[in-house]
């Protein structure tokens, strides 16, 4: 099974061929743009990173849950 870091790398380094369009408020766009600029990345890269981090957190959490349940017995 891939580690969280390996999964994150594969998600972020893969060729981007799909587009997702969604609506946000001007205030959220301004805040997200500021966060992206603070990290010296594009807004698109920042959003991709946030999504990848969430996917990894859930994947790692899901794989750890059966182990934790077994250890609790």
C-alpha atoms as a PDB file:
ATOM      1  CA  UNK A   1       0.000   0.000   0.000  1.00  0.00           C
ATOM      2  CA  UNK A   2       1.285   3.453  -0.873  1.00  0.00           C
ATOM      3  CA  UNK A   3       2.293   5.772   1.915  1.00  0.00           C
ATOM      4  CA  UNK A   4       0.561   9.105   2.307  1.00  0.00           C
ATOM      5  CA  UNK A   5       3.552  10.873   0.794  1.00  0.00           C
ATOM      6  CA  UNK A   6       3.626   8.535  -2.225  1.00  0.00           C
ATOM      7  CA  UNK A   7      -0.118   8.986  -2.769  1.00  0.00           C
ATOM      8  CA  UNK A   8       0.203  12.777  -2.526  1.00  0.00           C
ATOM      9  CA  UNK A   9       3.064  12.775  -5.054  1.00  0.00           C
ATOM     10  CA  UNK A  10       1.130  10.634  -7.511  1.00  0.00           C
ATOM     11  CA  UNK A  11      -1.945  12.872  -7.213  1.00  0.00           C
ATOM     12  CA  UNK A  12      -0.030  16.113  -7.655  1.00  0.00           C
ATOM     13  CA  UNK A  13       2.513  14.974 -10.259  1.00  0.00           C
ATOM     14  CA  UNK A  14       0.045  13.318 -12.627  1.00  0.00           C
ATOM     15  CA  UNK A  15      -0.793  15.026 -15.903  1.00  0.00           C
ATOM     16  CA  UNK A  16      -3.729  17.374 -15.420  1.00  0.00           C
ATOM     17  CA  UNK A  17      -6.272  16.713 -18.171  1.00  0.00           C
ATOM     18  CA  UNK A  18      -9.587  17.389 -16.431  1.00  0.00           C
ATOM     19  CA  UNK A  19     -11.260  20.666 -15.521  1.00  0.00           C
ATOM     20  CA  UNK A  20     -13.594  21.306 -12.632  1.00  0.00           C
ATOM     21  CA  UNK A  21     -15.561  24.521 -12.608  1.00  0.00           C
ATOM     22  CA  UNK A  22     -17.223  25.767  -9.445  1.00  0.00           C
ATOM     23  CA  UNK A  23     -18.509  29.040  -8.076  1.00  0.00           C
ATOM     24  CA  UNK A  24     -17.107  30.834  -5.039  1.00  0.00           C
ATOM     25  CA  UNK A  25     -17.707  34.173  -3.429  1.00  0.00           C
ATOM     26  CA  UNK A  26     -15.399  37.068  -4.258  1.00  0.00           C
ATOM     27  CA  UNK A  27     -14.246  37.064  -0.622  1.00  0.00           C
ATOM     28  CA  UNK A  28     -13.273  33.389  -0.728  1.00  0.00           C
ATOM     29  CA  UNK A  29     -11.444  33.905  -4.020  1.00  0.00           C
ATOM     30  CA  UNK A  30      -9.536  36.829  -2.522  1.00  0.00           C
ATOM     31  CA  UNK A  31      -8.620  34.832   0.600  1.00  0.00           C
ATOM     32  CA  UNK A  32      -7.563  31.759  -1.397  1.00  0.00           C
ATOM     33  CA  UNK A  33      -5.528  33.887  -3.800  1.00  0.00           C
ATOM     34  CA  UNK A  34      -3.735  35.513  -0.860  1.00  0.00           C
ATOM     35  CA  UNK A  35      -2.936  32.096   0.625  1.00  0.00           C
ATOM     36  CA  UNK A  36      -1.617  30.874  -2.730  1.00  0.00           C
ATOM     37  CA  UNK A  37       0.542  33.981  -3.132  1.00  0.00           C
ATOM     38  CA  UNK A  38       1.946  33.500   0.385  1.00  0.00           C
ATOM     39  CA  UNK A  39       3.013  30.004  -0.697  1.00  0.00           C
ATOM     40  CA  UNK A  40       4.351  31.225  -4.057  1.00  0.00           C
ATOM     41  CA  UNK A  41       2.043  28.927  -6.022  1.00  0.00           C
ATOM     42  CA  UNK A  42      -0.801  29.491  -8.433  1.00  0.00           C
ATOM     43  CA  UNK A  43      -4.358  29.388  -7.169  1.00  0.00           C
ATOM     44  CA  UNK A  44      -4.900  26.215  -9.181  1.00  0.00           C
ATOM     45  CA  UNK A  45      -1.871  24.533  -7.585  1.00  0.00           C
ATOM     46  CA  UNK A  46      -3.030  25.636  -4.135  1.00  0.00           C
ATOM     47  CA  UNK A  47      -6.510  24.176  -4.649  1.00  0.00           C
ATOM     48  CA  UNK A  48      -5.026  20.932  -6.039  1.00  0.00           C
ATOM     49  CA  UNK A  49      -2.761  20.683  -3.001  1.00  0.00           C
ATOM     50  CA  UNK A  50      -5.662  21.176  -0.576  1.00  0.00           C
ATOM     51  CA  UNK A  51      -7.693  18.472  -2.296  1.00  0.00           C
ATOM     52  CA  UNK A  52      -4.733  16.075  -2.437  1.00  0.00           C
ATOM     53  CA  UNK A  53      -4.048  16.616   1.273  1.00  0.00           C
ATOM     54  CA  UNK A  54      -7.682  15.807   2.077  1.00  0.00           C
ATOM     55  CA  UNK A  55      -7.639  12.659  -0.091  1.00  0.00           C
ATOM     56  CA  UNK A  56      -4.418  11.489   1.582  1.00  0.00           C
ATOM     57  CA  UNK A  57      -5.770  12.211   5.076  1.00  0.00           C
ATOM     58  CA  UNK A  58      -8.867  10.138   4.386  1.00  0.00           C
ATOM     59  CA  UNK A  59      -6.912   7.335   2.695  1.00  0.00           C
ATOM     60  CA  UNK A  60      -4.389   7.104   5.522  1.00  0.00           C
ATOM     61  CA  UNK A  61      -7.143   7.413   8.129  1.00  0.00           C
ATOM     62  CA  UNK A  62      -9.198   4.706   6.434  1.00  0.00           C
ATOM     63  CA  UNK A  63      -6.255   2.313   6.272  1.00  0.00           C
ATOM     64  CA  UNK A  64      -5.348   3.005   9.904  1.00  0.00           C
ATOM     65  CA  UNK A  65      -8.918   2.568  11.198  1.00  0.00           C
ATOM     66  CA  UNK A  66      -9.022  -1.261  10.958  1.00  0.00           C
ATOM     67  CA  UNK A  67      -5.639  -1.490  12.680  1.00  0.00           C
ATOM     68  CA  UNK A  68      -6.753   0.836  15.485  1.00  0.00           C
ATOM     69  CA  UNK A  69      -9.987  -1.111  15.939  1.00  0.00           C
ATOM     70  CA  UNK A  70      -8.070  -4.391  16.125  1.00  0.00           C
ATOM     71  CA  UNK A  71      -5.611  -2.940  18.653  1.00  0.00           C
ATOM     72  CA  UNK A  72      -8.482  -1.657  20.805  1.00  0.00           C
ATOM     73  CA  UNK A  73      -9.764  -5.205  21.355  1.00  0.00           C
END
